[in-house]
PDB file of N, CA and C in Angstrom:
ATOM      1  N   MET A   1      43.857   7.870 -11.550  1.00  0.00           N
ATOM      2  CA  MET A   1      43.494   8.998 -10.705  1.00  0.00           C
ATOM      3  C   MET A   1      44.115  10.276 -11.269  1.00  0.00           C
ATOM      4  N   GLU A   2      43.376  11.362 -11.169  1.00  0.00           N
ATOM      5  CA  GLU A   2      43.878  12.649 -11.629  1.00  0.00           C
ATOM      6  C   GLU A   2      45.054  13.096 -10.769  1.00  0.00           C
ATOM      7  N   PHE A   3      46.055  13.657 -11.414  1.00  0.00           N
ATOM      8  CA  PHE A   3      47.264  14.109 -10.731  1.00  0.00           C
ATOM      9  C   PHE A   3      46.947  15.151  -9.661  1.00  0.00           C
ATOM     10  N   LYS A   4      46.037  16.081  -9.971  1.00  0.00           N
ATOM     11  CA  LYS A   4      45.690  17.123  -9.001  1.00  0.00           C
ATOM     12  C   LYS A   4      44.918  16.562  -7.810  1.00  0.00           C
ATOM     13  N   LYS A   5      44.247  15.438  -7.995  1.00  0.00           N
ATOM     14  CA  LYS A   5      43.579  14.781  -6.864  1.00  0.00           C
ATOM     15  C   LYS A   5      44.579  13.929  -6.090  1.00  0.00           C
ATOM     16  N   GLU A   6      45.529  13.361  -6.811  1.00  0.00           N
ATOM     17  CA  GLU A   6      46.575  12.552  -6.187  1.00  0.00           C
ATOM     18  C   GLU A   6      47.467  13.423  -5.304  1.00  0.00           C
ATOM     19  N   ILE A   7      47.782  14.621  -5.789  1.00  0.00           N
ATOM     20  CA  ILE A   7      48.577  15.590  -5.029  1.00  0.00           C
ATOM     21  C   ILE A   7      47.781  16.895  -4.990  1.00  0.00           C
ATOM     22  N   PRO A   8      46.810  17.014  -4.077  1.00  0.00           N
ATOM     23  CA  PRO A   8      45.918  18.175  -4.075  1.00  0.00           C
ATOM     24  C   PRO A   8      46.596  19.486  -3.670  1.00  0.00           C
ATOM     25  N   ASP A   9      47.697  19.410  -2.926  1.00  0.00           N
ATOM     26  CA  ASP A   9      48.358  20.619  -2.458  1.00  0.00           C
ATOM     27  C   ASP A   9      49.172  21.259  -3.590  1.00  0.00           C
ATOM     28  N   PHE A  10      48.813  22.496  -3.937  1.00  0.00           N
ATOM     29  CA  PHE A  10      49.484  23.203  -5.027  1.00  0.00           C
ATOM     30  C   PHE A  10      50.988  23.304  -4.786  1.00  0.00           C
ATOM     31  N   LYS A  11      51.387  23.670  -3.573  1.00  0.00           N
ATOM     32  CA  LYS A  11      52.815  23.836  -3.271  1.00  0.00           C
ATOM     33  C   LYS A  11      53.580  22.532  -3.479  1.00  0.00           C
ATOM     34  N   GLU A  12      52.969  21.426  -3.114  1.00  0.00           N
ATOM     35  CA  GLU A  12      53.612  20.124  -3.294  1.00  0.00           C
ATOM     36  C   GLU A  12      53.795  19.809  -4.784  1.00  0.00           C
ATOM     37  N   ARG A  13      52.765  20.094  -5.588  1.00  0.00           N
ATOM     38  CA  ARG A  13      52.886  19.889  -7.039  1.00  0.00           C
ATOM     39  C   ARG A  13      53.944  20.817  -7.621  1.00  0.00           C
ATOM     40  N   ARG A  14      53.948  22.060  -7.178  1.00  0.00           N
ATOM     41  CA  ARG A  14      54.930  23.035  -7.666  1.00  0.00           C
ATOM     42  C   ARG A  14      56.348  22.601  -7.285  1.00  0.00           C
ATOM     43  N   ASN A  15      56.524  22.097  -6.067  1.00  0.00           N
ATOM     44  CA  ASN A  15      57.835  21.604  -5.633  1.00  0.00           C
ATOM     45  C   ASN A  15      58.282  20.421  -6.484  1.00  0.00           C
ATOM     46  N   GLU A  16      57.354  19.533  -6.817  1.00  0.00           N
ATOM     47  CA  GLU A  16      57.697  18.400  -7.672  1.00  0.00           C
ATOM     48  C   GLU A  16      58.120  18.890  -9.051  1.00  0.00           C
ATOM     49  N   PHE A  17      57.392  19.865  -9.586  1.00  0.00           N
ATOM     50  CA  PHE A  17      57.763  20.450 -10.875  1.00  0.00           C
ATOM     51  C   PHE A  17      59.179  21.029 -10.817  1.00  0.00           C
ATOM     52  N   GLU A  18      59.480  21.798  -9.778  1.00  0.00           N
ATOM     53  CA  GLU A  18      60.801  22.425  -9.658  1.00  0.00           C
ATOM     54  C   GLU A  18      61.903  21.382  -9.515  1.00  0.00           C
ATOM     55  N   ARG A  19      61.634  20.305  -8.804  1.00  0.00           N
ATOM     56  CA  ARG A  19      62.605  19.215  -8.673  1.00  0.00           C
ATOM     57  C   ARG A  19      62.878  18.592 -10.039  1.00  0.00           C
ATOM     58  N   ILE A  20      61.809  18.338 -10.787  1.00  0.00           N
ATOM     59  CA  ILE A  20      61.953  17.758 -12.126  1.00  0.00           C
ATOM     60  C   ILE A  20      62.735  18.709 -13.027  1.00  0.00           C
ATOM     61  N   LEU A  21      62.407  19.991 -12.975  1.00  0.00           N
ATOM     62  CA  LEU A  21      63.082  20.984 -13.810  1.00  0.00           C
ATOM     63  C   LEU A  21      64.571  21.072 -13.479  1.00  0.00           C
ATOM     64  N   ASN A  22      64.915  20.988 -12.206  1.00  0.00           N
ATOM     65  CA  ASN A  22      66.327  21.016 -11.808  1.00  0.00           C
ATOM     66  C   ASN A  22      67.084  19.808 -12.344  1.00  0.00           C
ATOM     67  N   ASN A  23      66.447  18.647 -12.336  1.00  0.00           N
ATOM     68  CA  ASN A  23      67.095  17.420 -12.807  1.00  0.00           C
ATOM     69  C   ASN A  23      67.073  17.276 -14.326  1.00  0.00           C
ATOM     70  N   HIS A  24      66.091  17.890 -14.977  1.00  0.00           N
ATOM     71  CA  HIS A  24      65.906  17.753 -16.433  1.00  0.00           C
ATOM     72  C   HIS A  24      65.570  19.117 -17.043  1.00  0.00           C
ATOM     73  N   PRO A  25      66.541  20.037 -17.078  1.00  0.00           N
ATOM     74  CA  PRO A  25      66.234  21.405 -17.530  1.00  0.00           C
ATOM     75  C   PRO A  25      65.828  21.518 -18.999  1.00  0.00           C
ATOM     76  N   ASN A  26      66.137  20.536 -19.814  1.00  0.00           N
ATOM     77  CA  ASN A  26      65.802  20.603 -21.242  1.00  0.00           C
ATOM     78  C   ASN A  26      64.578  19.778 -21.606  1.00  0.00           C
ATOM     79  N   LYS A  27      63.799  19.412 -20.591  1.00  0.00           N
ATOM     80  CA  LYS A  27      62.604  18.594 -20.828  1.00  0.00           C
ATOM     81  C   LYS A  27      61.358  19.324 -20.342  1.00  0.00           C
ATOM     82  N   ILE A  28      60.227  18.891 -20.869  1.00  0.00           N
ATOM     83  CA  ILE A  28      58.925  19.445 -20.483  1.00  0.00           C
ATOM     84  C   ILE A  28      58.162  18.381 -19.704  1.00  0.00           C
ATOM     85  N   PRO A  29      57.701  18.705 -18.488  1.00  0.00           N
ATOM     86  CA  PRO A  29      56.929  17.736 -17.700  1.00  0.00           C
ATOM     87  C   PRO A  29      55.454  17.749 -18.109  1.00  0.00           C
ATOM     88  N   ILE A  30      54.974  16.589 -18.510  1.00  0.00           N
ATOM     89  CA  ILE A  30      53.600  16.466 -19.007  1.00  0.00           C
ATOM     90  C   ILE A  30      52.853  15.438 -18.177  1.00  0.00           C
ATOM     91  N   ILE A  31      51.618  15.761 -17.825  1.00  0.00           N
ATOM     92  CA  ILE A  31      50.726  14.826 -17.149  1.00  0.00           C
ATOM     93  C   ILE A  31      49.657  14.423 -18.155  1.00  0.00           C
ATOM     94  N   LEU A  32      49.567  13.135 -18.428  1.00  0.00           N
ATOM     95  CA  LEU A  32      48.603  12.596 -19.389  1.00  0.00           C
ATOM     96  C   LEU A  32      47.479  11.918 -18.619  1.00  0.00           C
ATOM     97  N   GLU A  33      46.244  12.381 -18.842  1.00  0.00           N
ATOM     98  CA  GLU A  33      45.092  11.851 -18.110  1.00  0.00           C
ATOM     99  C   GLU A  33      43.931  11.582 -19.057  1.00  0.00           C
ATOM    100  N   PRO A  34      43.076  10.616 -18.719  1.00  0.00           N
ATOM    101  CA  PRO A  34      41.888  10.367 -19.552  1.00  0.00           C
ATOM    102  C   PRO A  34      40.976  11.593 -19.563  1.00  0.00           C
ATOM    103  N   ALA A  35      40.339  11.826 -20.686  1.00  0.00           N
ATOM    104  CA  ALA A  35      39.359  12.911 -20.779  1.00  0.00           C
ATOM    105  C   ALA A  35      38.224  12.642 -19.800  1.00  0.00           C
ATOM    106  N   LYS A  36      37.665  13.690 -19.242  1.00  0.00           N
ATOM    107  CA  LYS A  36      36.641  13.542 -18.201  1.00  0.00           C
ATOM    108  C   LYS A  36      35.385  12.810 -18.667  1.00  0.00           C
ATOM    109  N   LYS A  37      34.940  13.036 -19.897  1.00  0.00           N
ATOM    110  CA  LYS A  37      33.683  12.451 -20.365  1.00  0.00           C
ATOM    111  C   LYS A  37      33.852  11.084 -21.023  1.00  0.00           C
ATOM    112  N   THR A  38      35.041  10.551 -21.010  1.00  0.00           N
ATOM    113  CA  THR A  38      35.294   9.328 -21.764  1.00  0.00           C
ATOM    114  C   THR A  38      34.885   8.072 -21.007  1.00  0.00           C
ATOM    115  N   LYS A  39      34.525   7.072 -21.773  1.00  0.00           N
ATOM    116  CA  LYS A  39      34.306   5.730 -21.223  1.00  0.00           C
ATOM    117  C   LYS A  39      35.441   4.880 -21.779  1.00  0.00           C
ATOM    118  N   ASN A  40      36.637   5.349 -21.558  1.00  0.00           N
ATOM    119  CA  ASN A  40      37.847   4.844 -22.179  1.00  0.00           C
ATOM    120  C   ASN A  40      38.125   3.381 -21.920  1.00  0.00           C
ATOM    121  N   ALA A  41      38.449   2.688 -22.977  1.00  0.00           N
ATOM    122  CA  ALA A  41      38.956   1.332 -22.845  1.00  0.00           C
ATOM    123  C   ALA A  41      40.474   1.377 -22.704  1.00  0.00           C
ATOM    124  N   ILE A  42      41.054   2.538 -23.017  1.00  0.00           N
ATOM    125  CA  ILE A  42      42.503   2.698 -22.931  1.00  0.00           C
ATOM    126  C   ILE A  42      42.889   2.974 -21.486  1.00  0.00           C
ATOM    127  N   THR A  43      43.882   2.269 -21.016  1.00  0.00           N
ATOM    128  CA  THR A  43      44.427   2.552 -19.693  1.00  0.00           C
ATOM    129  C   THR A  43      45.910   2.840 -19.848  1.00  0.00           C
ATOM    130  N   ILE A  44      46.412   3.653 -18.953  1.00  0.00           N
ATOM    131  CA  ILE A  44      47.831   3.971 -18.967  1.00  0.00           C
ATOM    132  C   ILE A  44      48.327   3.926 -17.531  1.00  0.00           C
ATOM    133  N   LYS A  45      49.379   3.163 -17.311  1.00  0.00           N
ATOM    134  CA  LYS A  45      49.900   3.005 -15.951  1.00  0.00           C
ATOM    135  C   LYS A  45      50.788   4.174 -15.554  1.00  0.00           C
ATOM    136  N   GLN A  46      51.629   4.595 -16.461  1.00  0.00           N
ATOM    137  CA  GLN A  46      52.542   5.701 -16.183  1.00  0.00           C
ATOM    138  C   GLN A  46      52.037   6.939 -16.910  1.00  0.00           C
ATOM    139  N   ASN A  47      51.540   7.912 -16.160  1.00  0.00           N
ATOM    140  CA  ASN A  47      50.917   9.074 -16.792  1.00  0.00           C
ATOM    141  C   ASN A  47      51.808  10.311 -16.837  1.00  0.00           C
ATOM    142  N   LYS A  48      53.054  10.166 -16.429  1.00  0.00           N
ATOM    143  CA  LYS A  48      53.975  11.305 -16.452  1.00  0.00           C
ATOM    144  C   LYS A  48      54.971  11.123 -17.596  1.00  0.00           C
ATOM    145  N   PHE A  49      55.152  12.192 -18.351  1.00  0.00           N
ATOM    146  CA  PHE A  49      56.088  12.192 -19.468  1.00  0.00           C
ATOM    147  C   PHE A  49      57.089  13.324 -19.289  1.00  0.00           C
ATOM    148  N   LEU A  50      58.308  13.086 -19.697  1.00  0.00           N
ATOM    149  CA  LEU A  50      59.303  14.137 -19.861  1.00  0.00           C
ATOM    150  C   LEU A  50      59.720  14.091 -21.320  1.00  0.00           C
ATOM    151  N   VAL A  51      59.453  15.149 -22.047  1.00  0.00           N
ATOM    152  CA  VAL A  51      59.789  15.155 -23.473  1.00  0.00           C
ATOM    153  C   VAL A  51      60.735  16.311 -23.772  1.00  0.00           C
ATOM    154  N   PRO A  52      61.610  16.130 -24.760  1.00  0.00           N
ATOM    155  CA  PRO A  52      62.496  17.228 -25.157  1.00  0.00           C
ATOM    156  C   PRO A  52      61.688  18.437 -25.616  1.00  0.00           C
ATOM    157  N   LYS A  53      62.204  19.614 -25.329  1.00  0.00           N
ATOM    158  CA  LYS A  53      61.498  20.851 -25.677  1.00  0.00           C
ATOM    159  C   LYS A  53      61.236  20.978 -27.172  1.00  0.00           C
ATOM    160  N   LEU A  54      62.121  20.431 -27.990  1.00  0.00           N
ATOM    161  CA  LEU A  54      61.977  20.573 -29.439  1.00  0.00           C
ATOM    162  C   LEU A  54      61.192  19.439 -30.087  1.00  0.00           C
ATOM    163  N   PHE A  55      60.682  18.513 -29.280  1.00  0.00           N
ATOM    164  CA  PHE A  55      59.780  17.480 -29.813  1.00  0.00           C
ATOM    165  C   PHE A  55      58.605  18.178 -30.482  1.00  0.00           C
ATOM    166  N   THR A  56      58.143  17.623 -31.575  1.00  0.00           N
ATOM    167  CA  THR A  56      56.897  18.118 -32.159  1.00  0.00           C
ATOM    168  C   THR A  56      55.736  17.406 -31.472  1.00  0.00           C
ATOM    169  N   PHE A  57      54.550  17.955 -31.645  1.00  0.00           N
ATOM    170  CA  PHE A  57      53.368  17.303 -31.081  1.00  0.00           C
ATOM    171  C   PHE A  57      53.205  15.910 -31.684  1.00  0.00           C
ATOM    172  N   HIS A  58      53.556  15.751 -32.946  1.00  0.00           N
ATOM    173  CA  HIS A  58      53.499  14.445 -33.609  1.00  0.00           C
ATOM    174  C   HIS A  58      54.413  13.437 -32.908  1.00  0.00           C
ATOM    175  N   GLU A  59      55.630  13.846 -32.560  1.00  0.00           N
ATOM    176  CA  GLU A  59      56.562  12.951 -31.863  1.00  0.00           C
ATOM    177  C   GLU A  59      56.024  12.577 -30.483  1.00  0.00           C
ATOM    178  N   PHE A  60      55.417  13.546 -29.803  1.00  0.00           N
ATOM    179  CA  PHE A  60      54.806  13.261 -28.505  1.00  0.00           C
ATOM    180  C   PHE A  60      53.683  12.241 -28.654  1.00  0.00           C
ATOM    181  N   LEU A  61      52.806  12.427 -29.655  1.00  0.00           N
ATOM    182  CA  LEU A  61      51.710  11.477 -29.883  1.00  0.00           C
ATOM    183  C   LEU A  61      52.240  10.073 -30.162  1.00  0.00           C
ATOM    184  N   PHE A  62      53.332   9.987 -30.901  1.00  0.00           N
ATOM    185  CA  PHE A  62      53.938   8.687 -31.179  1.00  0.00           C
ATOM    186  C   PHE A  62      54.352   8.010 -29.876  1.00  0.00           C
ATOM    187  N   GLN A  63      54.956   8.770 -28.959  1.00  0.00           N
ATOM    188  CA  GLN A  63      55.365   8.225 -27.663  1.00  0.00           C
ATOM    189  C   GLN A  63      54.152   7.784 -26.840  1.00  0.00           C
ATOM    190  N   VAL A  64      53.090   8.569 -26.872  1.00  0.00           N
ATOM    191  CA  VAL A  64      51.867   8.218 -26.143  1.00  0.00           C
ATOM    192  C   VAL A  64      51.281   6.925 -26.700  1.00  0.00           C
ATOM    193  N   ARG A  65      51.167   6.845 -28.016  1.00  0.00           N
ATOM    194  CA  ARG A  65      50.610   5.637 -28.653  1.00  0.00           C
ATOM    195  C   ARG A  65      51.437   4.413 -28.280  1.00  0.00           C
ATOM    196  N   LYS A  66      52.753   4.583 -28.255  1.00  0.00           N
ATOM    197  CA  LYS A  66      53.645   3.480 -27.911  1.00  0.00           C
ATOM    198  C   LYS A  66      53.439   3.050 -26.454  1.00  0.00           C
ATOM    199  N   ARG A  67      53.358   4.028 -25.559  1.00  0.00           N
ATOM    200  CA  ARG A  67      53.200   3.710 -24.140  1.00  0.00           C
ATOM    201  C   ARG A  67      51.839   3.077 -23.858  1.00  0.00           C
ATOM    202  N   VAL A  68      50.810   3.554 -24.541  1.00  0.00           N
ATOM    203  CA  VAL A  68      49.459   3.029 -24.344  1.00  0.00           C
ATOM    204  C   VAL A  68      49.298   1.673 -25.035  1.00  0.00           C
ATOM    205  N   GLY A  69      50.084   1.443 -26.075  1.00  0.00           N
ATOM    206  CA  GLY A  69      50.018   0.169 -26.783  1.00  0.00           C
ATOM    207  C   GLY A  69      48.933   0.113 -27.837  1.00  0.00           C
ATOM    208  N   LEU A  70      48.658   1.241 -28.482  1.00  0.00           N
ATOM    209  CA  LEU A  70      47.632   1.278 -29.526  1.00  0.00           C
ATOM    210  C   LEU A  70      48.195   0.788 -30.852  1.00  0.00           C
ATOM    211  N   SER A  71      47.379   0.073 -31.579  1.00  0.00           N
ATOM    212  CA  SER A  71      47.767  -0.326 -32.932  1.00  0.00           C
ATOM    213  C   SER A  71      47.520   0.849 -33.869  1.00  0.00           C
ATOM    214  N   SER A  72      48.045   0.757 -35.078  1.00  0.00           N
ATOM    215  CA  SER A  72      47.887   1.862 -36.024  1.00  0.00           C
ATOM    216  C   SER A  72      46.430   2.078 -36.425  1.00  0.00           C
ATOM    217  N   GLY A  73      45.576   1.061 -36.274  1.00  0.00           N
ATOM    218  CA  GLY A  73      44.168   1.188 -36.637  1.00  0.00           C
ATOM    219  C   GLY A  73      43.288   1.758 -35.543  1.00  0.00           C
ATOM    220  N   GLU A  74      43.826   1.942 -34.353  1.00  0.00           N
ATOM    221  CA  GLU A  74      43.039   2.461 -33.232  1.00  0.00           C
ATOM    222  C   GLU A  74      43.181   3.979 -33.146  1.00  0.00           C
ATOM    223  N   SER A  75      42.082   4.641 -32.833  1.00  0.00           N
ATOM    224  CA  SER A  75      42.073   6.102 -32.743  1.00  0.00           C
ATOM    225  C   SER A  75      42.560   6.570 -31.388  1.00  0.00           C
ATOM    226  N   LEU A  76      43.183   7.731 -31.403  1.00  0.00           N
ATOM    227  CA  LEU A  76      43.601   8.390 -30.174  1.00  0.00           C
ATOM    228  C   LEU A  76      43.316   9.875 -30.338  1.00  0.00           C
ATOM    229  N   TYR A  77      42.522  10.426 -29.444  1.00  0.00           N
ATOM    230  CA  TYR A  77      42.198  11.844 -29.448  1.00  0.00           C
ATOM    231  C   TYR A  77      42.913  12.475 -28.262  1.00  0.00           C
ATOM    232  N   VAL A  78      43.599  13.577 -28.515  1.00  0.00           N
ATOM    233  CA  VAL A  78      44.397  14.216 -27.473  1.00  0.00           C
ATOM    234  C   VAL A  78      44.113  15.715 -27.477  1.00  0.00           C
ATOM    235  N   ALA A  79      43.852  16.260 -26.283  1.00  0.00           N
ATOM    236  CA  ALA A  79      43.609  17.697 -26.137  1.00  0.00           C
ATOM    237  C   ALA A  79      44.521  18.246 -25.047  1.00  0.00           C
ATOM    238  N   VAL A  80      45.117  19.383 -25.319  1.00  0.00           N
ATOM    239  CA  VAL A  80      45.973  20.058 -24.352  1.00  0.00           C
ATOM    240  C   VAL A  80      45.108  20.996 -23.527  1.00  0.00           C
ATOM    241  N   ALA A  81      45.323  20.980 -22.222  1.00  0.00           N
ATOM    242  CA  ALA A  81      44.580  21.840 -21.293  1.00  0.00           C
ATOM    243  C   ALA A  81      43.076  21.616 -21.403  1.00  0.00           C
ATOM    244  N   GLY A  82      42.671  20.438 -21.847  1.00  0.00           N
ATOM    245  CA  GLY A  82      41.265  20.068 -21.885  1.00  0.00           C
ATOM    246  C   GLY A  82      40.476  20.528 -23.089  1.00  0.00           C
ATOM    247  N   PHE A  83      41.107  21.340 -23.992  1.00  0.00           N
ATOM    248  CA  PHE A  83      40.307  21.866 -25.100  1.00  0.00           C
ATOM    249  C   PHE A  83      41.082  22.124 -26.389  1.00  0.00           C
ATOM    250  N   TYR A  84      42.393  22.185 -26.357  1.00  0.00           N
ATOM    251  CA  TYR A  84      43.161  22.620 -27.519  1.00  0.00           C
ATOM    252  C   TYR A  84      43.757  21.423 -28.256  1.00  0.00           C
ATOM    253  N   PHE A  85      43.592  21.401 -29.575  1.00  0.00           N
ATOM    254  CA  PHE A  85      44.132  20.341 -30.425  1.00  0.00           C
ATOM    255  C   PHE A  85      45.254  20.936 -31.282  1.00  0.00           C
ATOM    256  N   PRO A  86      46.506  20.793 -30.865  1.00  0.00           N
ATOM    257  CA  PRO A  86      47.617  21.422 -31.591  1.00  0.00           C
ATOM    258  C   PRO A  86      47.855  20.802 -32.964  1.00  0.00           C
ATOM    259  N   SER A  87      48.465  21.589 -33.843  1.00  0.00           N
ATOM    260  CA  SER A  87      48.885  21.031 -35.128  1.00  0.00           C
ATOM    261  C   SER A  87      50.067  20.100 -34.864  1.00  0.00           C
ATOM    262  N   LEU A  88      50.219  19.100 -35.692  1.00  0.00           N
ATOM    263  CA  LEU A  88      51.228  18.062 -35.471  1.00  0.00           C
ATOM    264  C   LEU A  88      52.656  18.581 -35.550  1.00  0.00           C
ATOM    265  N   ASP A  89      52.886  19.675 -36.267  1.00  0.00           N
ATOM    266  CA  ASP A  89      54.249  20.181 -36.412  1.00  0.00           C
ATOM    267  C   ASP A  89      54.632  21.218 -35.352  1.00  0.00           C
ATOM    268  N   ARG A  90      53.728  21.526 -34.471  1.00  0.00           N
ATOM    269  CA  ARG A  90      54.017  22.507 -33.414  1.00  0.00           C
ATOM    270  C   ARG A  90      54.950  21.888 -32.378  1.00  0.00           C
ATOM    271  N   THR A  91      55.920  22.672 -31.878  1.00  0.00           N
ATOM    272  CA  THR A  91      56.843  22.134 -30.873  1.00  0.00           C
ATOM    273  C   THR A  91      56.160  22.064 -29.512  1.00  0.00           C
ATOM    274  N   MET A  92      56.600  21.114 -28.728  1.00  0.00           N
ATOM    275  CA  MET A  92      56.043  20.967 -27.383  1.00  0.00           C
ATOM    276  C   MET A  92      56.369  22.193 -26.533  1.00  0.00           C
ATOM    277  N   MET A  93      57.517  22.835 -26.791  1.00  0.00           N
ATOM    278  CA  MET A  93      57.875  24.031 -26.031  1.00  0.00           C
ATOM    279  C   MET A  93      56.885  25.156 -26.294  1.00  0.00           C
ATOM    280  N   SER A  94      56.475  25.340 -27.542  1.00  0.00           N
ATOM    281  CA  SER A  94      55.516  26.414 -27.835  1.00  0.00           C
ATOM    282  C   SER A  94      54.153  26.105 -27.220  1.00  0.00           C
ATOM    283  N   ILE A  95      53.770  24.834 -27.231  1.00  0.00           N
ATOM    284  CA  ILE A  95      52.511  24.425 -26.592  1.00  0.00           C
ATOM    285  C   ILE A  95      52.606  24.638 -25.090  1.00  0.00           C
ATOM    286  N   TYR A  96      53.734  24.217 -24.512  1.00  0.00           N
ATOM    287  CA  TYR A  96      53.954  24.367 -23.076  1.00  0.00           C
ATOM    288  C   TYR A  96      53.894  25.843 -22.669  1.00  0.00           C
ATOM    289  N   ASP A  97      54.583  26.692 -23.411  1.00  0.00           N
ATOM    290  CA  ASP A  97      54.606  28.121 -23.075  1.00  0.00           C
ATOM    291  C   ASP A  97      53.205  28.726 -23.055  1.00  0.00           C
ATOM    292  N   GLU A  98      52.349  28.253 -23.924  1.00  0.00           N
ATOM    293  CA  GLU A  98      50.999  28.817 -24.025  1.00  0.00           C
ATOM    294  C   GLU A  98      50.000  28.191 -23.044  1.00  0.00           C
ATOM    295  N   PHE A  99      50.175  26.897 -22.727  1.00  0.00           N
ATOM    296  CA  PHE A  99      49.120  26.185 -21.994  1.00  0.00           C
ATOM    297  C   PHE A  99      49.539  25.561 -20.662  1.00  0.00           C
ATOM    298  N   LYS A 100      50.752  25.796 -20.195  1.00  0.00           N
ATOM    299  CA  LYS A 100      51.174  25.182 -18.931  1.00  0.00           C
ATOM    300  C   LYS A 100      50.293  25.664 -17.787  1.00  0.00           C
ATOM    301  N   ASP A 101      50.110  24.787 -16.828  1.00  0.00           N
ATOM    302  CA  ASP A 101      49.324  25.108 -15.641  1.00  0.00           C
ATOM    303  C   ASP A 101      50.180  25.947 -14.694  1.00  0.00           C
ATOM    304  N   SER A 102      49.558  26.619 -13.756  1.00  0.00           N
ATOM    305  CA  SER A 102      50.305  27.435 -12.794  1.00  0.00           C
ATOM    306  C   SER A 102      51.211  26.593 -11.900  1.00  0.00           C
ATOM    307  N   ASP A 103      50.963  25.275 -11.811  1.00  0.00           N
ATOM    308  CA  ASP A 103      51.860  24.420 -11.031  1.00  0.00           C
ATOM    309  C   ASP A 103      53.104  24.015 -11.829  1.00  0.00           C
ATOM    310  N   GLY A 104      53.153  24.394 -13.120  1.00  0.00           N
ATOM    311  CA  GLY A 104      54.320  24.125 -13.950  1.00  0.00           C
ATOM    312  C   GLY A 104      54.169  22.960 -14.905  1.00  0.00           C
ATOM    313  N   PHE A 105      53.177  22.115 -14.695  1.00  0.00           N
ATOM    314  CA  PHE A 105      52.980  20.951 -15.557  1.00  0.00           C
ATOM    315  C   PHE A 105      52.086  21.305 -16.740  1.00  0.00           C
ATOM    316  N   LEU A 106      52.263  20.561 -17.821  1.00  0.00           N
ATOM    317  CA  LEU A 106      51.366  20.660 -18.967  1.00  0.00           C
ATOM    318  C   LEU A 106      50.412  19.480 -18.875  1.00  0.00           C
ATOM    319  N   TYR A 107      49.111  19.761 -18.808  1.00  0.00           N
ATOM    320  CA  TYR A 107      48.110  18.700 -18.679  1.00  0.00           C
ATOM    321  C   TYR A 107      47.531  18.374 -20.052  1.00  0.00           C
ATOM    322  N   VAL A 108      47.557  17.092 -20.387  1.00  0.00           N
ATOM    323  CA  VAL A 108      47.076  16.614 -21.678  1.00  0.00           C
ATOM    324  C   VAL A 108      46.048  15.518 -21.420  1.00  0.00           C
ATOM    325  N   ASN A 109      44.886  15.632 -22.048  1.00  0.00           N
ATOM    326  CA  ASN A 109      43.822  14.636 -21.903  1.00  0.00           C
ATOM    327  C   ASN A 109      43.752  13.777 -23.151  1.00  0.00           C
ATOM    328  N   PHE A 110      43.421  12.503 -22.962  1.00  0.00           N
ATOM    329  CA  PHE A 110      43.329  11.596 -24.101  1.00  0.00           C
ATOM    330  C   PHE A 110      42.064  10.765 -24.025  1.00  0.00           C
ATOM    331  N   SER A 111      41.654  10.269 -25.179  1.00  0.00           N
ATOM    332  CA  SER A 111      40.487   9.403 -25.272  1.00  0.00           C
ATOM    333  C   SER A 111      40.613   8.561 -26.532  1.00  0.00           C
ATOM    334  N   SER A 112      39.930   7.437 -26.530  1.00  0.00           N
ATOM    335  CA  SER A 112      39.878   6.607 -27.736  1.00  0.00           C
ATOM    336  C   SER A 112      38.618   6.918 -28.536  1.00  0.00           C
ATOM    337  N   GLU A 113      37.858   7.889 -28.067  1.00  0.00           N
ATOM    338  CA  GLU A 113      36.624   8.294 -28.751  1.00  0.00           C
ATOM    339  C   GLU A 113      36.550   9.811 -28.742  1.00  0.00           C
ATOM    340  N   ALA A 114      35.850  10.384 -29.692  1.00  0.00           N
ATOM    341  CA  ALA A 114      35.704  11.842 -29.757  1.00  0.00           C
ATOM    342  C   ALA A 114      34.720  12.284 -28.677  1.00  0.00           C
ATOM    343  N   VAL A 115      35.218  12.961 -27.647  1.00  0.00           N
ATOM    344  CA  VAL A 115      34.356  13.387 -26.539  1.00  0.00           C
ATOM    345  C   VAL A 115      34.280  14.908 -26.410  1.00  0.00           C
ATOM    346  N   TRP A 116      34.961  15.627 -27.289  1.00  0.00           N
ATOM    347  CA  TRP A 116      34.999  17.080 -27.161  1.00  0.00           C
ATOM    348  C   TRP A 116      34.001  17.778 -28.066  1.00  0.00           C
ATOM    349  N   GLY A 117      33.190  17.023 -28.785  1.00  0.00           N
ATOM    350  CA  GLY A 117      32.135  17.616 -29.589  1.00  0.00           C
ATOM    351  C   GLY A 117      32.527  18.025 -30.971  1.00  0.00           C
TER     352      GLY A 117
END
């Protein structure tokens, strides 16, 4: 289920973000969700990530692949804010600063197939 549908109230999501930030000031809160157009075979039980601000996008992808349980031969497509494909050496903090949602979370979509055209 989408995080915004799970917690539809903006203030409640914002309060959760602030609670997380107070407990983990050096981490970035990320919500990982399947891409909307996907017929994904990949499932993920835990869709919330806290990553160090200086993690690169490559390090984040490694954590996602590990959590999802993908083998090295399986593809994973990831887009930030539904449309942006960051370079692998970009820091998560720079991505967060540019693409965070107004509720404070960074939303990242994933798919095992190319669905963004």
